[in-house]
Amino acid sequence: MPLGLPSRLLSFREWPSLPPGRFITRDPALVRGIATRRVSCAGVQKWITPDYLRWFATSPMRKHEFAGVIDDAGCLSSYLFLTSKRIRGIPAWMEIDHFTTEGTHDELHALVGEIVRQPALFGDQRMLSLASFPDDRSWEGCPALHERTEHVCHCFAIPGHLQSLAKLTVLAEGDWGL
């Protein structure tokens, strides 16, 4: 999706706003805790901690830009990690990790909306690419110029006793992260 003025010209949908009392931080060191999840965690998925966020943000292999939603106590409720890339020669951000503790994806969409409305928060990139996987509904309803689903095969050697559990597929440290 385009950032800044082009996004306003091409989008007929208003982005949601952040809930009262929450704001964006670019510094994972300000995250003191993780909010209690309001979404189902019945399957196999990555565990998020403040230490994980700080470790991932300082990856030596590529620059990761962090945008998190926290409250006054430093409790994180949603975040994105982005990395710089080019889309058809245009400077862009590629989302490489996202997470929310909320029961809906509205706060995550509000976070994206802030980046779309205020691209200077991150630099001079002009596009944003969000990753989606099968059964991940994180980006449903987001304005987009182009959509495609990422196909993965991470579960080819999963232990038998975990085969029947739901799997939340996300980008992980070894994918586009490190």
C-alpha atoms as a PDB file:
ATOM      1  CA  MET A   1       0.000   0.000   0.000  1.00  0.00           C
ATOM      2  CA  PRO A   2       1.230   3.516  -0.678  1.00  0.00           C
ATOM      3  CA  LEU A   3       2.167   5.793   2.215  1.00  0.00           C
ATOM      4  CA  GLY A   4       1.270   9.437   2.836  1.00  0.00           C
ATOM      5  CA  LEU A   5      -0.809  11.473   0.391  1.00  0.00           C
ATOM      6  CA  PRO A   6      -1.093   8.712  -2.265  1.00  0.00           C
ATOM      7  CA  SER A   7      -2.754   6.454   0.309  1.00  0.00           C
ATOM      8  CA  ARG A   8      -5.420   9.099   0.991  1.00  0.00           C
ATOM      9  CA  LEU A   9      -6.091   9.447  -2.731  1.00  0.00           C
ATOM     10  CA  LEU A  10      -6.397   5.695  -3.318  1.00  0.00           C
ATOM     11  CA  SER A  11      -8.211   4.601  -0.157  1.00  0.00           C
ATOM     12  CA  PHE A  12     -11.905   5.025   0.485  1.00  0.00           C
ATOM     13  CA  ARG A  13     -11.703   3.519   3.956  1.00  0.00           C
ATOM     14  CA  GLU A  14     -10.714   5.374   7.123  1.00  0.00           C
ATOM     15  CA  TRP A  15      -8.107   3.722   9.312  1.00  0.00           C
ATOM     16  CA  PRO A  16      -9.137   3.088  12.937  1.00  0.00           C
ATOM     17  CA  SER A  17      -7.563   5.174  15.699  1.00  0.00           C
ATOM     18  CA  LEU A  18      -5.522   3.970  18.640  1.00  0.00           C
ATOM     19  CA  PRO A  19      -7.546   3.423  21.816  1.00  0.00           C
ATOM     20  CA  PRO A  20      -7.391   6.230  24.417  1.00  0.00           C
ATOM     21  CA  GLY A  21      -4.395   5.963  26.734  1.00  0.00           C
ATOM     22  CA  ARG A  22      -2.237   4.095  24.212  1.00  0.00           C
ATOM     23  CA  PHE A  23       0.511   5.477  22.039  1.00  0.00           C
ATOM     24  CA  ILE A  24       3.195   4.370  19.594  1.00  0.00           C
ATOM     25  CA  THR A  25       6.772   3.783  20.633  1.00  0.00           C
ATOM     26  CA  ARG A  26       9.661   3.079  18.297  1.00  0.00           C
ATOM     27  CA  ASP A  27      11.865   1.889  21.189  1.00  0.00           C
ATOM     28  CA  PRO A  28      11.404  -1.712  22.402  1.00  0.00           C
ATOM     29  CA  ALA A  29      13.348  -0.781  25.571  1.00  0.00           C
ATOM     30  CA  LEU A  30      10.217   1.107  26.703  1.00  0.00           C
ATOM     31  CA  VAL A  31       8.193  -2.139  26.700  1.00  0.00           C
ATOM     32  CA  ARG A  32       7.958  -3.252  30.341  1.00  0.00           C
ATOM     33  CA  GLY A  33       5.420  -6.049  29.893  1.00  0.00           C
ATOM     34  CA  ILE A  34       3.030  -7.729  27.476  1.00  0.00           C
ATOM     35  CA  ALA A  35      -0.737  -7.278  27.876  1.00  0.00           C
ATOM     36  CA  THR A  36      -2.852 -10.334  28.590  1.00  0.00           C
ATOM     37  CA  ARG A  37      -3.941 -11.933  25.324  1.00  0.00           C
ATOM     38  CA  ARG A  38      -7.605 -11.617  24.459  1.00  0.00           C
ATOM     39  CA  VAL A  39      -7.364 -13.967  21.486  1.00  0.00           C
ATOM     40  CA  SER A  40      -7.368 -17.753  21.487  1.00  0.00           C
ATOM     41  CA  CYS A  41      -3.954 -19.313  22.147  1.00  0.00           C
ATOM     42  CA  ALA A  42      -5.000 -22.964  21.796  1.00  0.00           C
ATOM     43  CA  GLY A  43      -2.439 -23.783  19.120  1.00  0.00           C
ATOM     44  CA  VAL A  44       1.311 -23.749  18.588  1.00  0.00           C
ATOM     45  CA  GLN A  45       2.690 -20.216  18.307  1.00  0.00           C
ATOM     46  CA  LYS A  46       5.647 -17.990  19.108  1.00  0.00           C
ATOM     47  CA  TRP A  47       5.951 -16.589  22.651  1.00  0.00           C
ATOM     48  CA  ILE A  48       6.458 -12.809  22.853  1.00  0.00           C
ATOM     49  CA  THR A  49       8.427 -11.206  25.712  1.00  0.00           C
ATOM     50  CA  PRO A  50      10.069  -7.795  26.175  1.00  0.00           C
ATOM     51  CA  ASP A  51      13.479  -9.515  25.957  1.00  0.00           C
ATOM     52  CA  TYR A  52      12.519 -11.112  22.626  1.00  0.00           C
ATOM     53  CA  LEU A  53      11.528  -7.708  21.220  1.00  0.00           C
ATOM     54  CA  ARG A  54      14.832  -6.124  22.282  1.00  0.00           C
ATOM     55  CA  TRP A  55      16.835  -9.073  20.918  1.00  0.00           C
ATOM     56  CA  PHE A  56      15.025  -9.050  17.561  1.00  0.00           C
ATOM     57  CA  ALA A  57      15.371  -5.277  17.227  1.00  0.00           C
ATOM     58  CA  THR A  58      19.167  -5.546  17.521  1.00  0.00           C
ATOM     59  CA  SER A  59      19.597  -8.322  14.945  1.00  0.00           C
ATOM     60  CA  PRO A  60      23.029  -7.992  13.339  1.00  0.00           C
ATOM     61  CA  MET A  61      21.887  -9.390   9.969  1.00  0.00           C
ATOM     62  CA  ARG A  62      19.451  -6.658   8.957  1.00  0.00           C
ATOM     63  CA  LYS A  63      17.888  -3.511  10.363  1.00  0.00           C
ATOM     64  CA  HIS A  64      14.535  -4.076  12.028  1.00  0.00           C
ATOM     65  CA  GLU A  65      12.289  -1.088  12.711  1.00  0.00           C
ATOM     66  CA  PHE A  66       9.946  -1.528  15.690  1.00  0.00           C
ATOM     67  CA  ALA A  67       6.563   0.131  16.142  1.00  0.00           C
ATOM     68  CA  GLY A  68       4.660  -0.880  19.251  1.00  0.00           C
ATOM     69  CA  VAL A  69       1.490   0.231  20.984  1.00  0.00           C
ATOM     70  CA  ILE A  70       1.973   0.696  24.715  1.00  0.00           C
ATOM     71  CA  ASP A  71       0.144   2.326  27.602  1.00  0.00           C
ATOM     72  CA  ASP A  72       1.615   4.688  30.215  1.00  0.00           C
ATOM     73  CA  ALA A  73       2.977   1.726  32.215  1.00  0.00           C
ATOM     74  CA  GLY A  74       4.877   0.364  29.190  1.00  0.00           C
ATOM     75  CA  CYS A  75       2.509  -2.572  28.673  1.00  0.00           C
ATOM     76  CA  LEU A  76       2.595  -3.616  25.003  1.00  0.00           C
ATOM     77  CA  SER A  77      -0.641  -4.605  23.282  1.00  0.00           C
ATOM     78  CA  SER A  78       0.363  -4.693  19.574  1.00  0.00           C
ATOM     79  CA  TYR A  79       3.496  -4.323  17.468  1.00  0.00           C
ATOM     80  CA  LEU A  80       5.023  -4.461  13.995  1.00  0.00           C
ATOM     81  CA  PHE A  81       8.581  -5.062  12.894  1.00  0.00           C
ATOM     82  CA  LEU A  82       9.485  -3.649   9.493  1.00  0.00           C
ATOM     83  CA  THR A  83      12.555  -3.877   7.293  1.00  0.00           C
ATOM     84  CA  SER A  84      13.529  -1.762   4.312  1.00  0.00           C
ATOM     85  CA  LYS A  85      13.221  -3.185   0.797  1.00  0.00           C
ATOM     86  CA  ARG A  86      12.313  -2.091  -2.717  1.00  0.00           C
ATOM     87  CA  ILE A  87       9.041  -2.978  -4.437  1.00  0.00           C
ATOM     88  CA  ARG A  88       9.475  -2.617  -8.190  1.00  0.00           C
ATOM     89  CA  GLY A  89      12.235  -0.083  -7.519  1.00  0.00           C
ATOM     90  CA  ILE A  90      10.186   1.962  -5.034  1.00  0.00           C
ATOM     91  CA  PRO A  91      11.577   2.319  -1.462  1.00  0.00           C
ATOM     92  CA  ALA A  92       9.276   0.352   0.829  1.00  0.00           C
ATOM     93  CA  TRP A  93       8.808  -1.233   4.226  1.00  0.00           C
ATOM     94  CA  MET A  94       8.214  -4.963   4.418  1.00  0.00           C
ATOM     95  CA  GLU A  95       6.443  -6.124   7.558  1.00  0.00           C
ATOM     96  CA  ILE A  96       8.368  -9.057   9.004  1.00  0.00           C
ATOM     97  CA  ASP A  97       6.527  -9.624  12.271  1.00  0.00           C
ATOM     98  CA  HIS A  98       3.267  -8.543  13.847  1.00  0.00           C
ATOM     99  CA  PHE A  99       1.411  -9.358  17.029  1.00  0.00           C
ATOM    100  CA  THR A 100      -1.590  -8.208  19.004  1.00  0.00           C
ATOM    101  CA  THR A 101      -3.087  -9.165  22.335  1.00  0.00           C
ATOM    102  CA  GLU A 102      -6.431  -7.655  21.387  1.00  0.00           C
ATOM    103  CA  GLY A 103      -9.545  -9.688  20.528  1.00  0.00           C
ATOM    104  CA  THR A 104      -9.789  -7.901  17.168  1.00  0.00           C
ATOM    105  CA  HIS A 105      -7.212  -6.568  14.745  1.00  0.00           C
ATOM    106  CA  ASP A 106      -8.425  -2.954  15.026  1.00  0.00           C
ATOM    107  CA  GLU A 107      -5.443  -1.808  17.101  1.00  0.00           C
ATOM    108  CA  LEU A 108      -3.004  -3.470  14.686  1.00  0.00           C
ATOM    109  CA  HIS A 109      -4.816  -1.719  11.807  1.00  0.00           C
ATOM    110  CA  ALA A 110      -4.630   1.572  13.745  1.00  0.00           C
ATOM    111  CA  LEU A 111      -0.863   1.087  14.089  1.00  0.00           C
ATOM    112  CA  VAL A 112      -0.559   0.503  10.330  1.00  0.00           C
ATOM    113  CA  GLY A 113      -2.806   3.514   9.754  1.00  0.00           C
ATOM    114  CA  GLU A 114      -0.413   5.734  11.720  1.00  0.00           C
ATOM    115  CA  ILE A 115       2.469   4.580   9.508  1.00  0.00           C
ATOM    116  CA  VAL A 116       0.385   5.114   6.360  1.00  0.00           C
ATOM    117  CA  ARG A 117      -0.760   8.593   7.443  1.00  0.00           C
ATOM    118  CA  GLN A 118       2.640   9.646   8.839  1.00  0.00           C
ATOM    119  CA  PRO A 119       5.341   7.888   6.822  1.00  0.00           C
ATOM    120  CA  ALA A 120       7.972  10.276   8.215  1.00  0.00           C
ATOM    121  CA  LEU A 121       7.751   8.274  11.462  1.00  0.00           C
ATOM    122  CA  PHE A 122      10.025   5.748   9.754  1.00  0.00           C
ATOM    123  CA  GLY A 123      11.851   7.526   6.946  1.00  0.00           C
ATOM    124  CA  ASP A 124      11.431   8.138   3.242  1.00  0.00           C
ATOM    125  CA  GLN A 125       9.832   4.842   2.177  1.00  0.00           C
ATOM    126  CA  ARG A 126       6.753   5.227  -0.004  1.00  0.00           C
ATOM    127  CA  MET A 127       5.144   1.763   0.166  1.00  0.00           C
ATOM    128  CA  LEU A 128       4.240  -0.787   2.850  1.00  0.00           C
ATOM    129  CA  SER A 129       3.979  -4.553   2.336  1.00  0.00           C
ATOM    130  CA  LEU A 130       2.124  -6.647   4.941  1.00  0.00           C
ATOM    131  CA  ALA A 131       2.609 -10.426   5.133  1.00  0.00           C
ATOM    132  CA  SER A 132      -0.358 -12.782   5.386  1.00  0.00           C
ATOM    133  CA  PHE A 133      -0.459 -16.543   5.808  1.00  0.00           C
ATOM    134  CA  PRO A 134      -3.246 -19.122   5.491  1.00  0.00           C
ATOM    135  CA  ASP A 135      -5.786 -18.767   8.339  1.00  0.00           C
ATOM    136  CA  ASP A 136      -4.245 -15.455   9.454  1.00  0.00           C
ATOM    137  CA  ARG A 137      -6.942 -12.786   9.291  1.00  0.00           C
ATOM    138  CA  SER A 138      -4.761  -9.955  10.628  1.00  0.00           C
ATOM    139  CA  TRP A 139      -4.983  -7.790   7.530  1.00  0.00           C
ATOM    140  CA  GLU A 140      -8.581  -8.424   6.443  1.00  0.00           C
ATOM    141  CA  GLY A 141     -10.233  -5.084   5.730  1.00  0.00           C
ATOM    142  CA  CYS A 142      -6.965  -3.171   5.221  1.00  0.00           C
ATOM    143  CA  PRO A 143      -6.862  -1.103   2.036  1.00  0.00           C
ATOM    144  CA  ALA A 144      -4.452  -2.705  -0.435  1.00  0.00           C
ATOM    145  CA  LEU A 145      -3.319  -2.243  -4.014  1.00  0.00           C
ATOM    146  CA  HIS A 146      -2.312  -5.884  -4.350  1.00  0.00           C
ATOM    147  CA  GLU A 147      -2.906  -8.985  -2.237  1.00  0.00           C
ATOM    148  CA  ARG A 148      -1.274 -12.389  -2.148  1.00  0.00           C
ATOM    149  CA  THR A 149      -1.013 -15.078   0.505  1.00  0.00           C
ATOM    150  CA  GLU A 150       2.359 -16.412   1.612  1.00  0.00           C
ATOM    151  CA  HIS A 151       2.513 -20.218   1.455  1.00  0.00           C
ATOM    152  CA  VAL A 152       4.713 -22.017   3.959  1.00  0.00           C
ATOM    153  CA  CYS A 153       5.842 -25.533   4.823  1.00  0.00           C
ATOM    154  CA  HIS A 154       7.131 -25.035   8.376  1.00  0.00           C
ATOM    155  CA  CYS A 155       5.239 -28.003   9.782  1.00  0.00           C
ATOM    156  CA  PHE A 156       6.773 -30.824   7.707  1.00  0.00           C
ATOM    157  CA  ALA A 157       8.648 -32.378  10.649  1.00  0.00           C
ATOM    158  CA  ILE A 158       6.373 -31.493  13.548  1.00  0.00           C
ATOM    159  CA  PRO A 159       6.189 -34.172  16.295  1.00  0.00           C
ATOM    160  CA  GLY A 160       3.215 -36.511  16.049  1.00  0.00           C
ATOM    161  CA  HIS A 161       1.575 -35.373  19.294  1.00  0.00           C
ATOM    162  CA  LEU A 162       1.451 -31.786  17.933  1.00  0.00           C
ATOM    163  CA  GLN A 163       0.139 -32.670  14.445  1.00  0.00           C
ATOM    164  CA  SER A 164      -3.535 -32.123  15.317  1.00  0.00           C
ATOM    165  CA  LEU A 165      -3.055 -28.738  17.034  1.00  0.00           C
ATOM    166  CA  ALA A 166      -3.818 -25.516  15.196  1.00  0.00           C
ATOM    167  CA  LYS A 167      -0.685 -23.705  14.050  1.00  0.00           C
ATOM    168  CA  LEU A 168      -0.467 -19.931  13.876  1.00  0.00           C
ATOM    169  CA  THR A 169       1.988 -19.350  11.057  1.00  0.00           C
ATOM    170  CA  VAL A 170       4.073 -16.197  11.437  1.00  0.00           C
ATOM    171  CA  LEU A 171       7.436 -15.018  10.232  1.00  0.00           C
ATOM    172  CA  ALA A 172      10.092 -16.245  12.584  1.00  0.00           C
ATOM    173  CA  GLU A 173      13.714 -15.526  13.381  1.00  0.00           C
ATOM    174  CA  GLY A 174      15.074 -17.687  10.551  1.00  0.00           C
ATOM    175  CA  ASP A 175      12.661 -16.543   7.852  1.00  0.00           C
ATOM    176  CA  TRP A 176      13.016 -12.885   6.899  1.00  0.00           C
ATOM    177  CA  GLY A 177      14.026 -11.856  10.389  1.00  0.00           C
ATOM    178  CA  LEU A 178      17.700 -12.679  10.823  1.00  0.00           C
END
